[in-house]
Amino acid sequence: MKGYMEGVVSDLAFLPLIRYVAGMTVESLHQMPRSEKLKLMERLWEELSRPEGGFESPAWHASELAATERRLAEGKEQVLDWDTAKQSLRGKLR
């Protein structure tokens, strides 16, 4: 029970932030102070880092990862840093 209550107390500490985010638009995110963005990001990361019961990656994820590793080993796949990858994807979407 103690562990459960710690989670509840932790969630309650973020209640003002959750209320703030509930009516958020993209524009309001741009206007949000950096300190609030960091708090939001940290909270989201906490939520995403928790084990999610019953979630299993689809089988095709494993086969795609294996295929990518194979192409990489064969020199047919290129590793890009994140900024370069984003630029490449944005170019394909235009």
N, C-alpha and C. Protein backbone atom coordinates (compact mmCIF):
# COMPACT_ATOMS: atom_id res chain seq x y z
N MET A 1 0.82 -1.19 0.00
CA MET A 1 0.00 0.00 0.00
C MET A 1 0.87 1.25 0.00
N LYS A 2 2.01 1.19 0.69
CA LYS A 2 2.88 2.35 0.76
C LYS A 2 3.34 2.77 -0.64
N GLY A 3 3.76 1.83 -1.48
CA GLY A 3 4.20 2.15 -2.83
C GLY A 3 3.10 2.81 -3.64
N TYR A 4 1.87 2.32 -3.48
CA TYR A 4 0.74 2.90 -4.19
C TYR A 4 0.53 4.35 -3.77
N MET A 5 0.58 4.60 -2.47
CA MET A 5 0.35 5.95 -1.96
C MET A 5 1.47 6.90 -2.40
N GLU A 6 2.69 6.39 -2.48
CA GLU A 6 3.78 7.23 -2.96
C GLU A 6 3.50 7.69 -4.38
N GLY A 7 2.97 6.80 -5.22
CA GLY A 7 2.61 7.16 -6.59
C GLY A 7 1.50 8.18 -6.63
N VAL A 8 0.52 8.02 -5.74
CA VAL A 8 -0.59 8.97 -5.69
C VAL A 8 -0.08 10.34 -5.27
N VAL A 9 0.76 10.38 -4.25
CA VAL A 9 1.31 11.66 -3.79
C VAL A 9 2.13 12.29 -4.90
N SER A 10 2.91 11.48 -5.60
CA SER A 10 3.70 11.99 -6.70
C SER A 10 2.80 12.56 -7.79
N ASP A 11 1.71 11.85 -8.11
CA ASP A 11 0.77 12.32 -9.12
C ASP A 11 0.10 13.61 -8.68
N LEU A 12 -0.24 13.71 -7.40
CA LEU A 12 -0.89 14.92 -6.89
C LEU A 12 0.03 16.13 -6.99
N ALA A 13 1.32 15.90 -6.84
CA ALA A 13 2.27 17.00 -6.93
C ALA A 13 2.25 17.62 -8.32
N PHE A 14 1.88 16.85 -9.33
CA PHE A 14 1.86 17.34 -10.70
C PHE A 14 0.47 17.76 -11.16
N LEU A 15 -0.51 17.72 -10.27
CA LEU A 15 -1.88 18.07 -10.63
C LEU A 15 -1.99 19.45 -11.28
N PRO A 16 -1.35 20.49 -10.75
CA PRO A 16 -1.45 21.79 -11.44
C PRO A 16 -0.91 21.73 -12.87
N LEU A 17 0.17 20.99 -13.05
CA LEU A 17 0.75 20.86 -14.39
C LEU A 17 -0.19 20.10 -15.32
N ILE A 18 -0.81 19.04 -14.79
CA ILE A 18 -1.75 18.25 -15.59
C ILE A 18 -2.94 19.12 -16.01
N ARG A 19 -3.45 19.91 -15.09
CA ARG A 19 -4.56 20.82 -15.43
C ARG A 19 -4.14 21.81 -16.50
N TYR A 20 -2.91 22.30 -16.39
CA TYR A 20 -2.38 23.26 -17.35
C TYR A 20 -2.30 22.65 -18.74
N VAL A 21 -1.87 21.41 -18.80
CA VAL A 21 -1.67 20.73 -20.08
C VAL A 21 -2.99 20.29 -20.71
N ALA A 22 -4.00 20.05 -19.92
CA ALA A 22 -5.26 19.51 -20.43
C ALA A 22 -5.87 20.36 -21.53
N GLY A 23 -5.78 21.67 -21.44
CA GLY A 23 -6.35 22.54 -22.47
C GLY A 23 -5.30 23.10 -23.41
N MET A 24 -4.15 22.49 -23.46
CA MET A 24 -3.03 23.02 -24.23
C MET A 24 -3.20 22.85 -25.73
N THR A 25 -2.74 23.85 -26.45
CA THR A 25 -2.65 23.78 -27.90
C THR A 25 -1.18 23.87 -28.28
N VAL A 26 -0.89 23.66 -29.53
CA VAL A 26 0.50 23.78 -29.98
C VAL A 26 1.00 25.20 -29.73
N GLU A 27 0.16 26.17 -30.00
CA GLU A 27 0.55 27.57 -29.77
C GLU A 27 0.85 27.82 -28.30
N SER A 28 0.03 27.28 -27.41
CA SER A 28 0.28 27.51 -25.98
C SER A 28 1.56 26.81 -25.54
N LEU A 29 1.92 25.72 -26.18
CA LEU A 29 3.18 25.05 -25.88
C LEU A 29 4.35 25.96 -26.26
N HIS A 30 4.24 26.64 -27.40
CA HIS A 30 5.29 27.57 -27.81
C HIS A 30 5.44 28.72 -26.82
N GLN A 31 4.36 29.10 -26.18
CA GLN A 31 4.38 30.21 -25.24
C GLN A 31 4.74 29.79 -23.81
N MET A 32 4.77 28.50 -23.56
CA MET A 32 5.06 27.99 -22.22
C MET A 32 6.51 28.32 -21.85
N PRO A 33 6.74 28.76 -20.62
CA PRO A 33 8.11 29.02 -20.18
C PRO A 33 8.94 27.74 -20.22
N ARG A 34 10.20 27.89 -20.51
CA ARG A 34 11.10 26.74 -20.63
C ARG A 34 11.08 25.87 -19.37
N SER A 35 11.01 26.49 -18.21
CA SER A 35 11.00 25.72 -16.96
C SER A 35 9.77 24.81 -16.90
N GLU A 36 8.62 25.29 -17.38
CA GLU A 36 7.40 24.48 -17.39
C GLU A 36 7.50 23.37 -18.43
N LYS A 37 8.12 23.67 -19.56
CA LYS A 37 8.32 22.64 -20.60
C LYS A 37 9.18 21.50 -20.04
N LEU A 38 10.22 21.87 -19.29
CA LEU A 38 11.09 20.85 -18.71
C LEU A 38 10.35 20.01 -17.68
N LYS A 39 9.51 20.64 -16.86
CA LYS A 39 8.72 19.88 -15.89
C LYS A 39 7.79 18.91 -16.62
N LEU A 40 7.15 19.39 -17.66
CA LEU A 40 6.25 18.55 -18.43
C LEU A 40 7.00 17.39 -19.07
N MET A 41 8.15 17.69 -19.66
CA MET A 41 8.94 16.66 -20.30
C MET A 41 9.39 15.60 -19.29
N GLU A 42 9.82 16.04 -18.11
CA GLU A 42 10.25 15.10 -17.07
C GLU A 42 9.09 14.20 -16.64
N ARG A 43 7.93 14.79 -16.49
CA ARG A 43 6.75 14.02 -16.07
C ARG A 43 6.36 13.00 -17.14
N LEU A 44 6.38 13.44 -18.39
CA LEU A 44 6.06 12.52 -19.48
C LEU A 44 7.07 11.38 -19.53
N TRP A 45 8.35 11.71 -19.34
CA TRP A 45 9.37 10.68 -19.36
C TRP A 45 9.16 9.67 -18.23
N GLU A 46 8.79 10.18 -17.05
CA GLU A 46 8.49 9.27 -15.93
C GLU A 46 7.38 8.31 -16.31
N GLU A 47 6.32 8.84 -16.91
CA GLU A 47 5.18 8.01 -17.31
C GLU A 47 5.58 6.99 -18.37
N LEU A 48 6.37 7.42 -19.35
CA LEU A 48 6.78 6.51 -20.42
C LEU A 48 7.77 5.47 -19.93
N SER A 49 8.50 5.77 -18.86
CA SER A 49 9.51 4.84 -18.34
C SER A 49 8.90 3.75 -17.47
N ARG A 50 7.68 3.95 -17.02
CA ARG A 50 7.04 2.94 -16.18
C ARG A 50 6.67 1.73 -17.04
N PRO A 51 6.83 0.54 -16.47
CA PRO A 51 6.42 -0.65 -17.22
C PRO A 51 4.91 -0.60 -17.48
N GLU A 52 4.56 -0.89 -18.69
CA GLU A 52 3.14 -0.89 -19.05
C GLU A 52 2.68 -2.34 -19.11
N GLY A 53 1.77 -2.69 -18.24
CA GLY A 53 1.28 -4.06 -18.20
C GLY A 53 0.59 -4.45 -19.49
N GLY A 54 0.94 -5.61 -19.96
CA GLY A 54 0.26 -6.17 -21.12
C GLY A 54 0.74 -5.64 -22.46
N PHE A 55 1.72 -4.73 -22.50
CA PHE A 55 2.19 -4.24 -23.78
C PHE A 55 3.30 -5.12 -24.30
N GLU A 56 3.15 -5.56 -25.52
CA GLU A 56 4.18 -6.35 -26.18
C GLU A 56 4.39 -5.79 -27.57
N SER A 57 5.64 -5.63 -27.93
CA SER A 57 5.93 -5.17 -29.29
C SER A 57 5.42 -6.20 -30.28
N PRO A 58 4.88 -5.75 -31.39
CA PRO A 58 4.44 -6.70 -32.42
C PRO A 58 5.63 -7.50 -32.95
N ALA A 59 5.36 -8.69 -33.44
CA ALA A 59 6.42 -9.57 -33.94
C ALA A 59 7.20 -8.93 -35.08
N TRP A 60 6.53 -8.13 -35.89
CA TRP A 60 7.22 -7.54 -37.03
C TRP A 60 8.30 -6.56 -36.59
N HIS A 61 8.23 -6.03 -35.36
CA HIS A 61 9.30 -5.15 -34.88
C HIS A 61 10.63 -5.91 -34.85
N ALA A 62 10.60 -7.11 -34.32
CA ALA A 62 11.83 -7.91 -34.21
C ALA A 62 12.40 -8.22 -35.58
N SER A 63 11.53 -8.57 -36.54
CA SER A 63 12.03 -8.89 -37.88
C SER A 63 12.58 -7.65 -38.58
N GLU A 64 11.96 -6.49 -38.37
CA GLU A 64 12.48 -5.24 -38.96
C GLU A 64 13.81 -4.86 -38.35
N LEU A 65 13.94 -5.01 -37.03
CA LEU A 65 15.21 -4.71 -36.38
C LEU A 65 16.32 -5.64 -36.89
N ALA A 66 16.01 -6.91 -37.04
CA ALA A 66 16.99 -7.88 -37.55
C ALA A 66 17.40 -7.53 -38.98
N ALA A 67 16.42 -7.14 -39.81
CA ALA A 67 16.71 -6.77 -41.19
C ALA A 67 17.59 -5.52 -41.25
N THR A 68 17.31 -4.57 -40.39
CA THR A 68 18.12 -3.34 -40.35
C THR A 68 19.54 -3.66 -39.90
N GLU A 69 19.69 -4.50 -38.88
CA GLU A 69 21.03 -4.89 -38.42
C GLU A 69 21.79 -5.64 -39.52
N ARG A 70 21.08 -6.48 -40.27
CA ARG A 70 21.71 -7.22 -41.36
C ARG A 70 22.21 -6.24 -42.45
N ARG A 71 21.35 -5.28 -42.83
CA ARG A 71 21.75 -4.29 -43.85
C ARG A 71 22.92 -3.45 -43.35
N LEU A 72 22.94 -3.12 -42.07
CA LEU A 72 24.03 -2.35 -41.50
C LEU A 72 25.34 -3.14 -41.57
N ALA A 73 25.29 -4.41 -41.21
CA ALA A 73 26.48 -5.26 -41.25
C ALA A 73 26.99 -5.43 -42.68
N GLU A 74 26.07 -5.43 -43.65
CA GLU A 74 26.44 -5.58 -45.07
C GLU A 74 26.86 -4.26 -45.70
N GLY A 75 26.79 -3.17 -44.93
CA GLY A 75 27.16 -1.86 -45.47
C GLY A 75 26.08 -1.25 -46.35
N LYS A 76 24.87 -1.78 -46.28
CA LYS A 76 23.76 -1.28 -47.10
C LYS A 76 22.88 -0.30 -46.34
N GLU A 77 23.17 -0.12 -45.08
CA GLU A 77 22.39 0.79 -44.23
C GLU A 77 23.33 1.84 -43.68
N GLN A 78 22.84 3.05 -43.58
CA GLN A 78 23.65 4.17 -43.13
C GLN A 78 23.13 4.66 -41.78
N VAL A 79 24.03 4.90 -40.83
CA VAL A 79 23.65 5.44 -39.53
C VAL A 79 23.73 6.96 -39.62
N LEU A 80 22.65 7.62 -39.23
CA LEU A 80 22.59 9.08 -39.27
C LEU A 80 22.41 9.63 -37.87
N ASP A 81 22.99 10.81 -37.63
CA ASP A 81 22.70 11.47 -36.36
C ASP A 81 21.26 11.99 -36.46
N TRP A 82 20.68 12.31 -35.32
CA TRP A 82 19.26 12.65 -35.26
C TRP A 82 18.91 13.88 -36.10
N ASP A 83 19.74 14.91 -36.08
CA ASP A 83 19.44 16.12 -36.86
C ASP A 83 19.43 15.82 -38.36
N THR A 84 20.38 15.04 -38.83
CA THR A 84 20.43 14.67 -40.24
C THR A 84 19.22 13.81 -40.61
N ALA A 85 18.85 12.89 -39.74
CA ALA A 85 17.69 12.03 -40.00
C ALA A 85 16.41 12.87 -40.10
N LYS A 86 16.24 13.84 -39.20
CA LYS A 86 15.06 14.70 -39.25
C LYS A 86 15.02 15.49 -40.55
N GLN A 87 16.17 16.04 -40.96
CA GLN A 87 16.21 16.80 -42.22
C GLN A 87 15.84 15.91 -43.40
N SER A 88 16.34 14.69 -43.39
CA SER A 88 16.03 13.76 -44.47
C SER A 88 14.54 13.44 -44.53
N LEU A 89 13.97 13.17 -43.37
CA LEU A 89 12.53 12.86 -43.32
C LEU A 89 11.69 14.06 -43.73
N ARG A 90 12.06 15.23 -43.27
CA ARG A 90 11.31 16.42 -43.66
C ARG A 90 11.37 16.65 -45.16
N GLY A 91 12.51 16.36 -45.76
CA GLY A 91 12.65 16.50 -47.21
C GLY A 91 11.74 15.54 -47.97
N LYS A 92 11.55 14.33 -47.42
CA LYS A 92 10.69 13.34 -48.06
C LYS A 92 9.22 13.68 -47.91
N LEU A 93 8.87 14.43 -46.88
CA LEU A 93 7.46 14.76 -46.63
C LEU A 93 7.01 15.99 -47.42
N ARG A 94 7.91 16.69 -48.03
CA ARG A 94 7.54 17.90 -48.79
C ARG A 94 7.07 17.56 -50.17
